[in-house]
Amino acid sequence: MDYIDYYSVLGISKNATPNEVKKAYRKLARKYHPDVNPNDAEAERKFKQVNEANEVLGNPENRKKYDEYGKDWQHAEEIEKARKAQQQQRQNYQYQSSGGFGEQDFSDFFESMFGGRTSGGFSSGRKVKYRGQDFNAELQLTLKDVYQTHKRTLTINGKNIRITIPAGIENGQTIKIKGHGGPGSNGGPNGDLFITFSIINNTPFKRDGNNLHKTVDLDLYTAVLGGEITVNTFDGKAKLKVKPETQNGTKVKLKSKGFPVYKKEGQFGDLFITYSVKTPTKLSAREKELFKELAALKKT
């Protein structure tokens, strides 16, 4: 495996903060995304490389291994084990020279650790299984997208993966797709795919967990006299009865008209409506007279 300078791939320094890594990755991922560059082999190659760089540098543990072991960072644990084994080997040689293990004892000891001994002291009879690399990806969706459970096809490192996205998933939430990371070696298992969701809210509703909040304008006459209004919910409309003398800022709750509860089919949060009472403008002469009469009545 050739060494790839992932810092150069993202155009950042080795002292870059996690936030700087994230910003650089997002910028380049958008630039080279296959949807933006259809049928562009070079853009696809760079997109894959940018994702690989993020999978390494975007994960603090992977980044630490990469900084120390370079291209062999995925095998950091095995390298450490080998180092310890070599250290143990030297200690055993010292012990043997002082009358400890004999040649056969040493051979048995090494074979028990490595499954067979070569002239260099390492195993030739059993290959070490390496688990594949975990992949990290970010998926951008709208609030409407995650209102219902749906399927979506993702392209990860040139492979199409069809996943089910449950309704009610949260912004910043990460899910694991087992076995869809990098391939293992020597018969080792594949890594996993971790998808982090970025939810864009381009609706008039404010989401708070499973609840939704919305401000609705209410004309002065309905606020004073009461009446009935129709409001838009997230998936339709609802009629509300307005009590007489309703004050500005009054809140009402529409039960189960909020957002779906994650992985709980048929369960929803609530919708909270806040009334914003609007003062009428461009009054006619007659309307002004009537307001003056009302003001006079309040004084008596």
C-alpha atoms as a PDB file:
ATOM      1  CA  MET A   1       0.000   0.000   0.000  1.00  0.00           C
ATOM      2  CA  ASP A   2       1.483   3.322  -1.110  1.00  0.00           C
ATOM      3  CA  TYR A   3       1.710   6.174   1.345  1.00  0.00           C
ATOM      4  CA  ILE A   4      -0.891   8.899   0.798  1.00  0.00           C
ATOM      5  CA  ASP A   5      -0.472  12.258   2.512  1.00  0.00           C
ATOM      6  CA  TYR A   6      -4.047  12.783   3.648  1.00  0.00           C
ATOM      7  CA  TYR A   7      -3.205  16.225   5.016  1.00  0.00           C
ATOM      8  CA  SER A   8      -2.228  17.312   1.506  1.00  0.00           C
ATOM      9  CA  VAL A   9      -5.354  15.706   0.078  1.00  0.00           C
ATOM     10  CA  LEU A  10      -7.513  17.945   2.279  1.00  0.00           C
ATOM     11  CA  GLY A  11      -5.166  20.918   1.896  1.00  0.00           C
ATOM     12  CA  ILE A  12      -4.587  21.334   5.637  1.00  0.00           C
ATOM     13  CA  SER A  13      -1.603  21.342   7.970  1.00  0.00           C
ATOM     14  CA  LYS A  14      -0.724  18.546  10.391  1.00  0.00           C
ATOM     15  CA  ASN A  15      -1.755  20.860  13.234  1.00  0.00           C
ATOM     16  CA  ALA A  16      -5.256  21.370  11.831  1.00  0.00           C
ATOM     17  CA  THR A  17      -8.071  21.261  14.389  1.00  0.00           C
ATOM     18  CA  PRO A  18     -10.919  18.720  14.070  1.00  0.00           C
ATOM     19  CA  ASN A  19     -13.192  21.557  12.964  1.00  0.00           C
ATOM     20  CA  GLU A  20     -10.734  22.568  10.226  1.00  0.00           C
ATOM     21  CA  VAL A  21     -10.583  18.941   9.050  1.00  0.00           C
ATOM     22  CA  LYS A  22     -14.376  18.809   8.904  1.00  0.00           C
ATOM     23  CA  LYS A  23     -14.664  22.087   6.962  1.00  0.00           C
ATOM     24  CA  ALA A  24     -11.988  21.074   4.456  1.00  0.00           C
ATOM     25  CA  TYR A  25     -13.641  17.696   3.894  1.00  0.00           C
ATOM     26  CA  ARG A  26     -17.120  19.185   3.342  1.00  0.00           C
ATOM     27  CA  LYS A  27     -15.794  21.763   0.890  1.00  0.00           C
ATOM     28  CA  LEU A  28     -13.904  19.210  -1.221  1.00  0.00           C
ATOM     29  CA  ALA A  29     -16.645  16.561  -0.996  1.00  0.00           C
ATOM     30  CA  ARG A  30     -19.106  19.036  -2.481  1.00  0.00           C
ATOM     31  CA  LYS A  31     -16.586  20.068  -5.145  1.00  0.00           C
ATOM     32  CA  TYR A  32     -15.839  16.526  -6.363  1.00  0.00           C
ATOM     33  CA  HIS A  33     -19.189  14.844  -5.666  1.00  0.00           C
ATOM     34  CA  PRO A  34     -20.321  12.529  -8.530  1.00  0.00           C
ATOM     35  CA  ASP A  35     -23.659  14.338  -8.726  1.00  0.00           C
ATOM     36  CA  VAL A  36     -21.810  17.592  -9.469  1.00  0.00           C
ATOM     37  CA  ASN A  37     -19.305  15.940 -11.822  1.00  0.00           C
ATOM     38  CA  PRO A  38     -21.169  13.219 -13.757  1.00  0.00           C
ATOM     39  CA  ASN A  39     -18.981  10.916 -15.856  1.00  0.00           C
ATOM     40  CA  ASP A  40     -15.801  12.645 -14.644  1.00  0.00           C
ATOM     41  CA  ALA A  41     -13.321   9.904 -13.747  1.00  0.00           C
ATOM     42  CA  GLU A  42     -10.757  12.307 -12.269  1.00  0.00           C
ATOM     43  CA  ALA A  43     -13.352  13.969 -10.034  1.00  0.00           C
ATOM     44  CA  GLU A  44     -14.530  10.520  -8.913  1.00  0.00           C
ATOM     45  CA  ARG A  45     -10.942   9.538  -8.041  1.00  0.00           C
ATOM     46  CA  LYS A  46     -10.459  12.723  -6.009  1.00  0.00           C
ATOM     47  CA  PHE A  47     -13.834  12.257  -4.318  1.00  0.00           C
ATOM     48  CA  LYS A  48     -12.785   8.778  -3.160  1.00  0.00           C
ATOM     49  CA  GLN A  49      -9.444  10.110  -1.926  1.00  0.00           C
ATOM     50  CA  VAL A  50     -11.123  12.955  -0.033  1.00  0.00           C
ATOM     51  CA  ASN A  51     -13.443  10.437   1.666  1.00  0.00           C
ATOM     52  CA  GLU A  52     -10.473   8.241   2.592  1.00  0.00           C
ATOM     53  CA  ALA A  53      -8.688  11.262   4.055  1.00  0.00           C
ATOM     54  CA  ASN A  54     -11.727  12.132   6.147  1.00  0.00           C
ATOM     55  CA  GLU A  55     -12.130   8.549   7.352  1.00  0.00           C
ATOM     56  CA  VAL A  56      -8.593   8.757   8.735  1.00  0.00           C
ATOM     57  CA  LEU A  57      -8.145  12.364   9.854  1.00  0.00           C
ATOM     58  CA  GLY A  58     -11.779  12.858  10.877  1.00  0.00           C
ATOM     59  CA  ASN A  59     -11.470  10.124  13.495  1.00  0.00           C
ATOM     60  CA  PRO A  60      -9.170  11.113  16.418  1.00  0.00           C
ATOM     61  CA  GLU A  61      -8.054   7.522  17.054  1.00  0.00           C
ATOM     62  CA  ASN A  62      -7.332   6.818  13.375  1.00  0.00           C
ATOM     63  CA  ARG A  63      -5.529  10.141  13.021  1.00  0.00           C
ATOM     64  CA  LYS A  64      -3.253   9.329  15.964  1.00  0.00           C
ATOM     65  CA  LYS A  65      -2.352   5.973  14.409  1.00  0.00           C
ATOM     66  CA  TYR A  66      -1.802   7.558  11.003  1.00  0.00           C
ATOM     67  CA  ASP A  67       0.524  10.215  12.443  1.00  0.00           C
ATOM     68  CA  GLU A  68       2.613   7.522  14.121  1.00  0.00           C
ATOM     69  CA  TYR A  69       2.573   4.655  11.609  1.00  0.00           C
ATOM     70  CA  GLY A  70       1.874   6.341   8.248  1.00  0.00           C
ATOM     71  CA  LYS A  71       0.629   3.896   5.574  1.00  0.00           C
ATOM     72  CA  ASP A  72       0.592   1.053   8.136  1.00  0.00           C
ATOM     73  CA  TRP A  73      -1.752   2.886  10.514  1.00  0.00           C
ATOM     74  CA  GLN A  74      -4.507   0.268  10.068  1.00  0.00           C
ATOM     75  CA  HIS A  75      -2.205  -2.379  11.504  1.00  0.00           C
ATOM     76  CA  ALA A  76      -1.030  -0.329  14.488  1.00  0.00           C
ATOM     77  CA  GLU A  77      -2.191  -2.923  17.019  1.00  0.00           C
ATOM     78  CA  GLU A  78      -0.458  -5.756  15.175  1.00  0.00           C
ATOM     79  CA  ILE A  79       2.730  -3.691  14.916  1.00  0.00           C
ATOM     80  CA  GLU A  80       2.668  -3.061  18.654  1.00  0.00           C
ATOM     81  CA  LYS A  81       2.121  -6.748  19.317  1.00  0.00           C
ATOM     82  CA  ALA A  82       5.061  -7.596  17.067  1.00  0.00           C
ATOM     83  CA  ARG A  83       7.256  -5.101  18.891  1.00  0.00           C
ATOM     84  CA  LYS A  84       6.322  -6.617  22.225  1.00  0.00           C
ATOM     85  CA  ALA A  85       6.966 -10.094  20.843  1.00  0.00           C
ATOM     86  CA  GLN A  86      10.430  -9.035  19.681  1.00  0.00           C
ATOM     87  CA  GLN A  87      11.114  -7.564  23.087  1.00  0.00           C
ATOM     88  CA  GLN A  88       9.951 -10.784  24.707  1.00  0.00           C
ATOM     89  CA  GLN A  89      12.153 -12.717  22.284  1.00  0.00           C
ATOM     90  CA  ARG A  90      15.218 -10.769  23.354  1.00  0.00           C
ATOM     91  CA  GLN A  91      14.371 -11.355  26.993  1.00  0.00           C
ATOM     92  CA  ASN A  92      13.964 -15.060  26.319  1.00  0.00           C
ATOM     93  CA  TYR A  93      17.369 -15.222  24.630  1.00  0.00           C
ATOM     94  CA  GLN A  94      18.861 -13.573  27.670  1.00  0.00           C
ATOM     95  CA  TYR A  95      17.042 -16.005  29.906  1.00  0.00           C
ATOM     96  CA  GLN A  96      18.248 -18.947  27.824  1.00  0.00           C
ATOM     97  CA  SER A  97      21.881 -17.823  28.065  1.00  0.00           C
ATOM     98  CA  SER A  98      21.561 -17.786  31.852  1.00  0.00           C
ATOM     99  CA  GLY A  99      20.249 -21.355  31.972  1.00  0.00           C
ATOM    100  CA  GLY A 100      16.527 -20.755  31.492  1.00  0.00           C
ATOM    101  CA  PHE A 101      14.680 -21.996  28.385  1.00  0.00           C
ATOM    102  CA  GLY A 102      16.417 -24.569  26.247  1.00  0.00           C
ATOM    103  CA  GLU A 103      16.349 -24.490  22.446  1.00  0.00           C
ATOM    104  CA  GLN A 104      13.305 -26.746  22.278  1.00  0.00           C
ATOM    105  CA  ASP A 105      11.550 -24.808  25.022  1.00  0.00           C
ATOM    106  CA  PHE A 106      12.137 -21.552  23.159  1.00  0.00           C
ATOM    107  CA  SER A 107      10.865 -23.071  19.911  1.00  0.00           C
ATOM    108  CA  ASP A 108       7.701 -24.300  21.620  1.00  0.00           C
ATOM    109  CA  PHE A 109       7.188 -20.900  23.231  1.00  0.00           C
ATOM    110  CA  PHE A 110       7.536 -19.007  19.964  1.00  0.00           C
ATOM    111  CA  GLU A 111       5.399 -21.489  18.079  1.00  0.00           C
ATOM    112  CA  SER A 112       2.610 -21.098  20.631  1.00  0.00           C
ATOM    113  CA  MET A 113       2.640 -17.369  20.011  1.00  0.00           C
ATOM    114  CA  PHE A 114       3.047 -17.239  16.241  1.00  0.00           C
ATOM    115  CA  GLY A 115       2.005 -20.688  14.980  1.00  0.00           C
ATOM    116  CA  GLY A 116       5.387 -21.594  13.489  1.00  0.00           C
ATOM    117  CA  ARG A 117       8.854 -20.032  13.361  1.00  0.00           C
ATOM    118  CA  THR A 118      10.871 -18.694  10.480  1.00  0.00           C
ATOM    119  CA  SER A 119      14.547 -17.842  10.520  1.00  0.00           C
ATOM    120  CA  GLY A 120      13.579 -14.296  11.529  1.00  0.00           C
ATOM    121  CA  GLY A 121      11.521 -15.498  14.463  1.00  0.00           C
ATOM    122  CA  PHE A 122       8.094 -14.669  12.991  1.00  0.00           C
ATOM    123  CA  SER A 123       5.220 -16.914  12.000  1.00  0.00           C
ATOM    124  CA  SER A 124       5.018 -18.463   8.581  1.00  0.00           C
ATOM    125  CA  GLY A 125       2.393 -21.075   9.414  1.00  0.00           C
ATOM    126  CA  ARG A 126      -0.530 -18.763  10.208  1.00  0.00           C
ATOM    127  CA  LYS A 127      -1.499 -15.417   8.699  1.00  0.00           C
ATOM    128  CA  VAL A 128      -2.843 -12.689  10.932  1.00  0.00           C
ATOM    129  CA  LYS A 129      -6.400 -11.640  10.051  1.00  0.00           C
ATOM    130  CA  TYR A 130      -6.824  -7.879   9.688  1.00  0.00           C
ATOM    131  CA  ARG A 131     -10.198  -6.202  10.090  1.00  0.00           C
ATOM    132  CA  GLY A 132     -11.108  -3.785   7.301  1.00  0.00           C
ATOM    133  CA  GLN A 133     -11.084  -0.020   7.712  1.00  0.00           C
ATOM    134  CA  ASP A 134     -14.217   1.728   8.991  1.00  0.00           C
ATOM    135  CA  PHE A 135     -15.690   4.288   6.594  1.00  0.00           C
ATOM    136  CA  ASN A 136     -17.299   7.570   7.644  1.00  0.00           C
ATOM    137  CA  ALA A 137     -19.749   9.468   5.454  1.00  0.00           C
ATOM    138  CA  GLU A 138     -22.055  12.444   5.839  1.00  0.00           C
ATOM    139  CA  LEU A 139     -25.541  12.469   4.319  1.00  0.00           C
ATOM    140  CA  GLN A 140     -27.401  15.749   3.914  1.00  0.00           C
ATOM    141  CA  LEU A 141     -31.211  15.594   4.044  1.00  0.00           C
ATOM    142  CA  THR A 142     -34.082  18.026   4.549  1.00  0.00           C
ATOM    143  CA  LEU A 143     -36.518  17.954   7.453  1.00  0.00           C
ATOM    144  CA  LYS A 144     -39.207  16.773   5.034  1.00  0.00           C
ATOM    145  CA  ASP A 145     -36.971  13.890   3.929  1.00  0.00           C
ATOM    146  CA  VAL A 146     -36.808  12.467   7.447  1.00  0.00           C
ATOM    147  CA  TYR A 147     -40.504  12.901   8.213  1.00  0.00           C
ATOM    148  CA  GLN A 148     -41.133   9.489   6.661  1.00  0.00           C
ATOM    149  CA  THR A 149     -39.136   6.258   6.583  1.00  0.00           C
ATOM    150  CA  HIS A 150     -37.623   5.855   3.141  1.00  0.00           C
ATOM    151  CA  LYS A 151     -34.874   4.093   1.224  1.00  0.00           C
ATOM    152  CA  ARG A 152     -31.904   5.791  -0.397  1.00  0.00           C
ATOM    153  CA  THR A 153     -28.954   4.620  -2.462  1.00  0.00           C
ATOM    154  CA  LEU A 154     -25.526   5.925  -1.462  1.00  0.00           C
ATOM    155  CA  THR A 155     -22.296   5.702  -3.417  1.00  0.00           C
ATOM    156  CA  ILE A 156     -19.435   4.897  -1.056  1.00  0.00           C
ATOM    157  CA  ASN A 157     -15.988   4.434  -2.609  1.00  0.00           C
ATOM    158  CA  GLY A 158     -17.536   3.546  -5.948  1.00  0.00           C
ATOM    159  CA  LYS A 159     -20.021   1.048  -4.525  1.00  0.00           C
ATOM    160  CA  ASN A 160     -23.789   1.578  -4.381  1.00  0.00           C
ATOM    161  CA  ILE A 161     -25.320   0.820  -0.982  1.00  0.00           C
ATOM    162  CA  ARG A 162     -29.090   0.923  -0.472  1.00  0.00           C
ATOM    163  CA  ILE A 163     -30.098   1.824   3.074  1.00  0.00           C
ATOM    164  CA  THR A 164     -33.337   2.435   4.955  1.00  0.00           C
ATOM    165  CA  ILE A 165     -33.512   5.787   6.742  1.00  0.00           C
ATOM    166  CA  PRO A 166     -35.974   5.638   9.663  1.00  0.00           C
ATOM    167  CA  ALA A 167     -38.367   8.542  10.146  1.00  0.00           C
ATOM    168  CA  GLY A 168     -37.474  10.915  12.969  1.00  0.00           C
ATOM    169  CA  ILE A 169     -33.696  10.684  12.659  1.00  0.00           C
ATOM    170  CA  GLU A 170     -31.929  13.629  14.339  1.00  0.00           C
ATOM    171  CA  ASN A 171     -29.489  16.179  12.982  1.00  0.00           C
ATOM    172  CA  GLY A 172     -25.951  14.995  13.802  1.00  0.00           C
ATOM    173  CA  GLN A 173     -27.097  11.438  14.538  1.00  0.00           C
ATOM    174  CA  THR A 174     -24.791   8.648  13.371  1.00  0.00           C
ATOM    175  CA  ILE A 175     -25.868   5.148  12.381  1.00  0.00           C
ATOM    176  CA  LYS A 176     -23.697   2.103  11.672  1.00  0.00           C
ATOM    177  CA  ILE A 177     -24.069  -0.090   8.583  1.00  0.00           C
ATOM    178  CA  LYS A 178     -22.240  -3.273   9.560  1.00  0.00           C
ATOM    179  CA  GLY A 179     -19.817  -4.794   7.093  1.00  0.00           C
ATOM    180  CA  HIS A 180     -19.936  -1.995   4.524  1.00  0.00           C
ATOM    181  CA  GLY A 181     -16.535  -0.504   5.321  1.00  0.00           C
ATOM    182  CA  GLY A 182     -13.203  -1.484   3.817  1.00  0.00           C
ATOM    183  CA  PRO A 183     -12.469  -5.138   3.022  1.00  0.00           C
ATOM    184  CA  GLY A 184     -10.539  -7.209   5.547  1.00  0.00           C
ATOM    185  CA  SER A 185      -7.327  -8.955   4.643  1.00  0.00           C
ATOM    186  CA  ASN A 186      -6.190 -12.534   5.179  1.00  0.00           C
ATOM    187  CA  GLY A 187      -9.795 -13.550   5.779  1.00  0.00           C
ATOM    188  CA  GLY A 188     -10.477 -10.796   8.319  1.00  0.00           C
ATOM    189  CA  PRO A 189     -13.944  -9.163   8.562  1.00  0.00           C
ATOM    190  CA  ASN A 190     -14.933  -6.045   6.669  1.00  0.00           C
ATOM    191  CA  GLY A 191     -15.023  -2.736   8.480  1.00  0.00           C
ATOM    192  CA  ASP A 192     -18.264  -0.857   9.138  1.00  0.00           C
ATOM    193  CA  LEU A 193     -19.810   2.221   7.537  1.00  0.00           C
ATOM    194  CA  PHE A 194     -20.759   5.103   9.841  1.00  0.00           C
ATOM    195  CA  ILE A 195     -23.209   7.635   8.395  1.00  0.00           C
ATOM    196  CA  THR A 196     -23.722  11.007  10.097  1.00  0.00           C
ATOM    197  CA  PHE A 197     -26.874  12.907   9.123  1.00  0.00           C
ATOM    198  CA  SER A 198     -26.961  16.630   8.456  1.00  0.00           C
ATOM    199  CA  ILE A 199     -30.601  17.760   8.524  1.00  0.00           C
ATOM    200  CA  ILE A 200     -31.495  21.045   6.813  1.00  0.00           C
ATOM    201  CA  ASN A 201     -34.675  22.733   8.056  1.00  0.00           C
ATOM    202  CA  ASN A 202     -36.187  24.835   5.274  1.00  0.00           C
ATOM    203  CA  THR A 203     -39.702  24.820   6.751  1.00  0.00           C
ATOM    204  CA  PRO A 204     -41.580  27.339   8.952  1.00  0.00           C
ATOM    205  CA  PHE A 205     -41.495  24.777  11.753  1.00  0.00           C
ATOM    206  CA  LYS A 206     -38.876  24.661  14.484  1.00  0.00           C
ATOM    207  CA  ARG A 207     -37.967  21.158  15.622  1.00  0.00           C
ATOM    208  CA  ASP A 208     -37.283  20.368  19.256  1.00  0.00           C
ATOM    209  CA  GLY A 209     -36.721  16.635  19.533  1.00  0.00           C
ATOM    210  CA  ASN A 210     -40.069  15.081  18.595  1.00  0.00           C
ATOM    211  CA  ASN A 211     -42.012  18.322  19.045  1.00  0.00           C
ATOM    212  CA  LEU A 212     -42.575  21.052  16.475  1.00  0.00           C
ATOM    213  CA  HIS A 213     -43.135  24.774  17.058  1.00  0.00           C
ATOM    214  CA  LYS A 214     -44.719  27.306  14.723  1.00  0.00           C
ATOM    215  CA  THR A 215     -45.813  30.934  14.957  1.00  0.00           C
ATOM    216  CA  VAL A 216     -49.192  31.766  13.379  1.00  0.00           C
ATOM    217  CA  ASP A 217     -50.472  35.260  12.662  1.00  0.00           C
ATOM    218  CA  LEU A 218     -53.847  36.082  14.229  1.00  0.00           C
ATOM    219  CA  ASP A 219     -55.853  39.138  13.230  1.00  0.00           C
ATOM    220  CA  LEU A 220     -56.941  41.492  15.990  1.00  0.00           C
ATOM    221  CA  TYR A 221     -60.660  40.965  15.432  1.00  0.00           C
ATOM    222  CA  THR A 222     -60.446  37.172  15.806  1.00  0.00           C
ATOM    223  CA  ALA A 223     -58.185  37.573  18.834  1.00  0.00           C
ATOM    224  CA  VAL A 224     -60.729  39.875  20.501  1.00  0.00           C
ATOM    225  CA  LEU A 225     -63.972  38.195  19.466  1.00  0.00           C
ATOM    226  CA  GLY A 226     -62.810  34.602  19.063  1.00  0.00           C
ATOM    227  CA  GLY A 227     -63.479  32.368  16.098  1.00  0.00           C
ATOM    228  CA  GLU A 228     -62.035  29.550  14.059  1.00  0.00           C
ATOM    229  CA  ILE A 229     -58.894  29.475  11.941  1.00  0.00           C
ATOM    230  CA  THR A 230     -57.159  26.883   9.755  1.00  0.00           C
ATOM    231  CA  VAL A 231     -53.438  26.285  10.282  1.00  0.00           C
ATOM    232  CA  ASN A 232     -50.911  24.288   8.287  1.00  0.00           C
ATOM    233  CA  THR A 233     -49.425  21.311  10.124  1.00  0.00           C
ATOM    234  CA  PHE A 234     -46.330  19.474   8.878  1.00  0.00           C
ATOM    235  CA  ASP A 235     -48.373  17.002   6.826  1.00  0.00           C
ATOM    236  CA  GLY A 236     -51.703  18.755   6.304  1.00  0.00           C
ATOM    237  CA  LYS A 237     -54.119  21.253   7.840  1.00  0.00           C
ATOM    238  CA  ALA A 238     -55.986  21.561  11.142  1.00  0.00           C
ATOM    239  CA  LYS A 239     -58.839  23.757  12.398  1.00  0.00           C
ATOM    240  CA  LEU A 240     -58.390  25.614  15.659  1.00  0.00           C
ATOM    241  CA  LYS A 241     -60.961  27.363  17.813  1.00  0.00           C
ATOM    242  CA  VAL A 242     -59.696  30.719  19.073  1.00  0.00           C
ATOM    243  CA  LYS A 243     -61.024  31.843  22.433  1.00  0.00           C
ATOM    244  CA  PRO A 244     -62.299  35.413  22.778  1.00  0.00           C
ATOM    245  CA  GLU A 245     -59.759  37.894  24.168  1.00  0.00           C
ATOM    246  CA  THR A 246     -56.791  35.747  23.146  1.00  0.00           C
ATOM    247  CA  GLN A 247     -53.544  37.512  24.034  1.00  0.00           C
ATOM    248  CA  ASN A 248     -50.480  37.942  21.845  1.00  0.00           C
ATOM    249  CA  GLY A 249     -47.997  35.114  22.478  1.00  0.00           C
ATOM    250  CA  THR A 250     -50.661  32.609  23.561  1.00  0.00           C
ATOM    251  CA  LYS A 251     -49.605  28.978  22.925  1.00  0.00           C
ATOM    252  CA  VAL A 252     -51.841  26.045  22.050  1.00  0.00           C
ATOM    253  CA  LYS A 253     -50.889  22.390  21.669  1.00  0.00           C
ATOM    254  CA  LEU A 254     -51.965  20.071  18.884  1.00  0.00           C
ATOM    255  CA  LYS A 255     -51.395  16.594  20.269  1.00  0.00           C
ATOM    256  CA  SER A 256     -49.549  14.081  18.041  1.00  0.00           C
ATOM    257  CA  LYS A 257     -49.141  16.629  15.238  1.00  0.00           C
ATOM    258  CA  GLY A 258     -45.395  16.935  15.782  1.00  0.00           C
ATOM    259  CA  PHE A 259     -42.468  14.891  14.413  1.00  0.00           C
ATOM    260  CA  PRO A 260     -42.275  11.079  14.210  1.00  0.00           C
ATOM    261  CA  VAL A 261     -40.573   9.342  17.121  1.00  0.00           C
ATOM    262  CA  TYR A 262     -37.408   7.570  15.914  1.00  0.00           C
ATOM    263  CA  LYS A 263     -37.988   3.852  15.304  1.00  0.00           C
ATOM    264  CA  LYS A 264     -41.431   3.953  16.972  1.00  0.00           C
ATOM    265  CA  GLU A 265     -43.920   3.496  14.161  1.00  0.00           C
ATOM    266  CA  GLY A 266     -47.104   5.553  14.550  1.00  0.00           C
ATOM    267  CA  GLN A 267     -45.845   7.669  17.457  1.00  0.00           C
ATOM    268  CA  PHE A 268     -45.486  11.438  17.089  1.00  0.00           C
ATOM    269  CA  GLY A 269     -44.563  14.404  19.215  1.00  0.00           C
ATOM    270  CA  ASP A 270     -46.797  17.470  19.579  1.00  0.00           C
ATOM    271  CA  LEU A 271     -47.160  20.690  17.574  1.00  0.00           C
ATOM    272  CA  PHE A 272     -47.125  23.935  19.547  1.00  0.00           C
ATOM    273  CA  ILE A 273     -48.737  26.977  17.907  1.00  0.00           C
ATOM    274  CA  THR A 274     -47.860  30.471  19.152  1.00  0.00           C
ATOM    275  CA  TYR A 275     -50.269  33.256  18.205  1.00  0.00           C
ATOM    276  CA  SER A 276     -48.870  36.526  16.935  1.00  0.00           C
ATOM    277  CA  VAL A 277     -51.689  39.068  17.092  1.00  0.00           C
ATOM    278  CA  LYS A 278     -51.433  41.602  14.272  1.00  0.00           C
ATOM    279  CA  THR A 279     -52.614  45.183  14.616  1.00  0.00           C
ATOM    280  CA  PRO A 280     -54.676  46.257  11.588  1.00  0.00           C
ATOM    281  CA  THR A 281     -53.193  48.871   9.261  1.00  0.00           C
ATOM    282  CA  LYS A 282     -54.548  51.191   6.539  1.00  0.00           C
ATOM    283  CA  LEU A 283     -57.760  51.803   8.495  1.00  0.00           C
ATOM    284  CA  SER A 284     -60.612  53.617   6.815  1.00  0.00           C
ATOM    285  CA  ALA A 285     -62.100  56.736   8.368  1.00  0.00           C
ATOM    286  CA  ARG A 286     -65.084  54.728   9.568  1.00  0.00           C
ATOM    287  CA  GLU A 287     -62.862  52.078  11.190  1.00  0.00           C
ATOM    288  CA  LYS A 288     -60.915  54.761  13.018  1.00  0.00           C
ATOM    289  CA  GLU A 289     -64.159  56.235  14.296  1.00  0.00           C
ATOM    290  CA  LEU A 290     -65.258  52.847  15.599  1.00  0.00           C
ATOM    291  CA  PHE A 291     -61.945  52.372  17.417  1.00  0.00           C
ATOM    292  CA  LYS A 292     -62.386  55.826  18.982  1.00  0.00           C
ATOM    293  CA  GLU A 293     -65.851  54.821  20.135  1.00  0.00           C
ATOM    294  CA  LEU A 294     -64.418  51.636  21.663  1.00  0.00           C
ATOM    295  CA  ALA A 295     -61.691  53.620  23.409  1.00  0.00           C
ATOM    296  CA  ALA A 296     -64.310  55.998  24.799  1.00  0.00           C
ATOM    297  CA  LEU A 297     -66.396  53.092  26.055  1.00  0.00           C
ATOM    298  CA  LYS A 298     -63.404  51.638  27.895  1.00  0.00           C
ATOM    299  CA  LYS A 299     -62.966  54.916  29.761  1.00  0.00           C
ATOM    300  CA  THR A 300     -66.517  55.033  31.037  1.00  0.00           C
END
